[in-house]
Amino acid sequence: MAIAAIIYISISVLLVISAGIFFVKAIQSLIQKNPTSKRHQQDQELFLRPTSNDALNISNRREEIVAMLERQFASSPSSDS
């Protein structure tokens, strides 16, 4: 019985430590100023560009946004493929 209690406590301590490390790494990744994914950076640039009344520019932005949404939908776990 004592051995089971020691194993239980040691596993609990390891889980708490690993959760703490995971939490710290998650906070550090949120604090980073440079996005790690190039696609993520490109997707953000779509919405940061200055607005323009040029019809060709608006059409290109729509195509880029549609392509971005299709990529996100295709990579989502709920898509039926």
C-alpha atoms as a PDB file:
ATOM      1  CA  MET A   1       0.000   0.000   0.000  1.00  0.00           C
ATOM      2  CA  ALA A   2       2.839   2.380   0.849  1.00  0.00           C
ATOM      3  CA  ILE A   3       4.548   1.676  -2.473  1.00  0.00           C
ATOM      4  CA  ALA A   4       1.353   2.531  -4.362  1.00  0.00           C
ATOM      5  CA  ALA A   5       1.069   5.808  -2.436  1.00  0.00           C
ATOM      6  CA  ILE A   6       4.678   6.720  -3.240  1.00  0.00           C
ATOM      7  CA  ILE A   7       4.152   5.936  -6.940  1.00  0.00           C
ATOM      8  CA  TYR A   8       0.924   7.959  -6.971  1.00  0.00           C
ATOM      9  CA  ILE A   9       2.583  10.958  -5.321  1.00  0.00           C
ATOM     10  CA  SER A  10       5.631  10.832  -7.596  1.00  0.00           C
ATOM     11  CA  ILE A  11       3.466  10.645 -10.744  1.00  0.00           C
ATOM     12  CA  SER A  12       1.334  13.519  -9.465  1.00  0.00           C
ATOM     13  CA  VAL A  13       4.440  15.632  -8.854  1.00  0.00           C
ATOM     14  CA  LEU A  14       5.766  14.865 -12.336  1.00  0.00           C
ATOM     15  CA  LEU A  15       2.423  15.815 -13.889  1.00  0.00           C
ATOM     16  CA  VAL A  16       2.350  19.117 -12.003  1.00  0.00           C
ATOM     17  CA  ILE A  17       5.923  19.914 -13.053  1.00  0.00           C
ATOM     18  CA  SER A  18       5.253  19.065 -16.707  1.00  0.00           C
ATOM     19  CA  ALA A  19       2.063  21.163 -16.671  1.00  0.00           C
ATOM     20  CA  GLY A  20       4.047  24.079 -15.249  1.00  0.00           C
ATOM     21  CA  ILE A  21       6.709  23.751 -17.954  1.00  0.00           C
ATOM     22  CA  PHE A  22       4.014  23.551 -20.632  1.00  0.00           C
ATOM     23  CA  PHE A  23       2.319  26.658 -19.239  1.00  0.00           C
ATOM     24  CA  VAL A  24       5.574  28.629 -19.168  1.00  0.00           C
ATOM     25  CA  LYS A  25       6.403  27.653 -22.761  1.00  0.00           C
ATOM     26  CA  ALA A  26       2.895  28.605 -23.900  1.00  0.00           C
ATOM     27  CA  ILE A  27       3.200  32.028 -22.269  1.00  0.00           C
ATOM     28  CA  GLN A  28       6.646  32.521 -23.832  1.00  0.00           C
ATOM     29  CA  SER A  29       5.320  31.669 -27.294  1.00  0.00           C
ATOM     30  CA  LEU A  30       2.511  34.192 -26.855  1.00  0.00           C
ATOM     31  CA  ILE A  31       4.954  36.882 -25.788  1.00  0.00           C
ATOM     32  CA  GLN A  32       7.230  36.411 -28.810  1.00  0.00           C
ATOM     33  CA  LYS A  33       6.948  39.319 -31.198  1.00  0.00           C
ATOM     34  CA  ASN A  34       7.853  37.493 -34.421  1.00  0.00           C
ATOM     35  CA  PRO A  35       5.345  34.880 -35.608  1.00  0.00           C
ATOM     36  CA  THR A  36       6.975  31.509 -36.128  1.00  0.00           C
ATOM     37  CA  SER A  37       4.855  30.499 -39.102  1.00  0.00           C
ATOM     38  CA  LYS A  38       5.349  32.187 -42.450  1.00  0.00           C
ATOM     39  CA  ARG A  39       1.790  31.322 -43.504  1.00  0.00           C
ATOM     40  CA  HIS A  40       0.497  32.872 -40.272  1.00  0.00           C
ATOM     41  CA  GLN A  41       2.431  36.042 -41.075  1.00  0.00           C
ATOM     42  CA  GLN A  42       1.033  36.117 -44.632  1.00  0.00           C
ATOM     43  CA  ASP A  43      -2.503  35.620 -43.330  1.00  0.00           C
ATOM     44  CA  GLN A  44      -2.069  38.525 -40.933  1.00  0.00           C
ATOM     45  CA  GLU A  45      -0.719  40.747 -43.718  1.00  0.00           C
ATOM     46  CA  LEU A  46      -3.969  40.272 -45.638  1.00  0.00           C
ATOM     47  CA  PHE A  47      -5.804  42.273 -43.017  1.00  0.00           C
ATOM     48  CA  LEU A  48      -3.057  44.818 -42.344  1.00  0.00           C
ATOM     49  CA  ARG A  49      -2.780  46.195 -45.864  1.00  0.00           C
ATOM     50  CA  PRO A  50      -4.139  49.677 -46.450  1.00  0.00           C
ATOM     51  CA  THR A  51      -7.538  49.735 -48.096  1.00  0.00           C
ATOM     52  CA  SER A  52      -7.727  50.764 -51.711  1.00  0.00           C
ATOM     53  CA  ASN A  53     -10.574  51.577 -54.081  1.00  0.00           C
ATOM     54  CA  ASP A  54      -8.821  49.858 -56.995  1.00  0.00           C
ATOM     55  CA  ALA A  55     -11.124  47.102 -58.299  1.00  0.00           C
ATOM     56  CA  LEU A  56      -8.208  44.826 -59.230  1.00  0.00           C
ATOM     57  CA  ASN A  57      -6.686  45.173 -55.776  1.00  0.00           C
ATOM     58  CA  ILE A  58     -10.029  44.396 -54.104  1.00  0.00           C
ATOM     59  CA  SER A  59     -10.475  41.350 -56.344  1.00  0.00           C
ATOM     60  CA  ASN A  60      -6.981  40.079 -55.527  1.00  0.00           C
ATOM     61  CA  ARG A  61      -7.578  40.529 -51.802  1.00  0.00           C
ATOM     62  CA  ARG A  62     -10.847  38.592 -52.064  1.00  0.00           C
ATOM     63  CA  GLU A  63      -9.082  35.748 -53.862  1.00  0.00           C
ATOM     64  CA  GLU A  64      -6.341  35.695 -51.208  1.00  0.00           C
ATOM     65  CA  ILE A  65      -8.890  35.652 -48.391  1.00  0.00           C
ATOM     66  CA  VAL A  66     -10.905  32.881 -50.040  1.00  0.00           C
ATOM     67  CA  ALA A  67      -7.705  30.851 -50.552  1.00  0.00           C
ATOM     68  CA  MET A  68      -6.761  31.398 -46.903  1.00  0.00           C
ATOM     69  CA  LEU A  69     -10.193  30.265 -45.714  1.00  0.00           C
ATOM     70  CA  GLU A  70     -10.057  27.201 -47.971  1.00  0.00           C
ATOM     71  CA  ARG A  71      -6.653  26.265 -46.513  1.00  0.00           C
ATOM     72  CA  GLN A  72      -7.983  26.666 -42.990  1.00  0.00           C
ATOM     73  CA  PHE A  73     -11.106  24.643 -43.757  1.00  0.00           C
ATOM     74  CA  ALA A  74      -9.098  21.895 -45.437  1.00  0.00           C
ATOM     75  CA  SER A  75      -6.790  21.616 -42.440  1.00  0.00           C
ATOM     76  CA  SER A  76      -9.559  21.629 -39.839  1.00  0.00           C
ATOM     77  CA  PRO A  77     -10.225  18.285 -38.135  1.00  0.00           C
ATOM     78  CA  SER A  78     -13.956  18.587 -38.720  1.00  0.00           C
ATOM     79  CA  SER A  79     -13.709  18.590 -42.538  1.00  0.00           C
ATOM     80  CA  ASP A  80     -15.020  15.494 -44.264  1.00  0.00           C
ATOM     81  CA  SER A  81     -12.427  14.462 -46.817  1.00  0.00           C
END
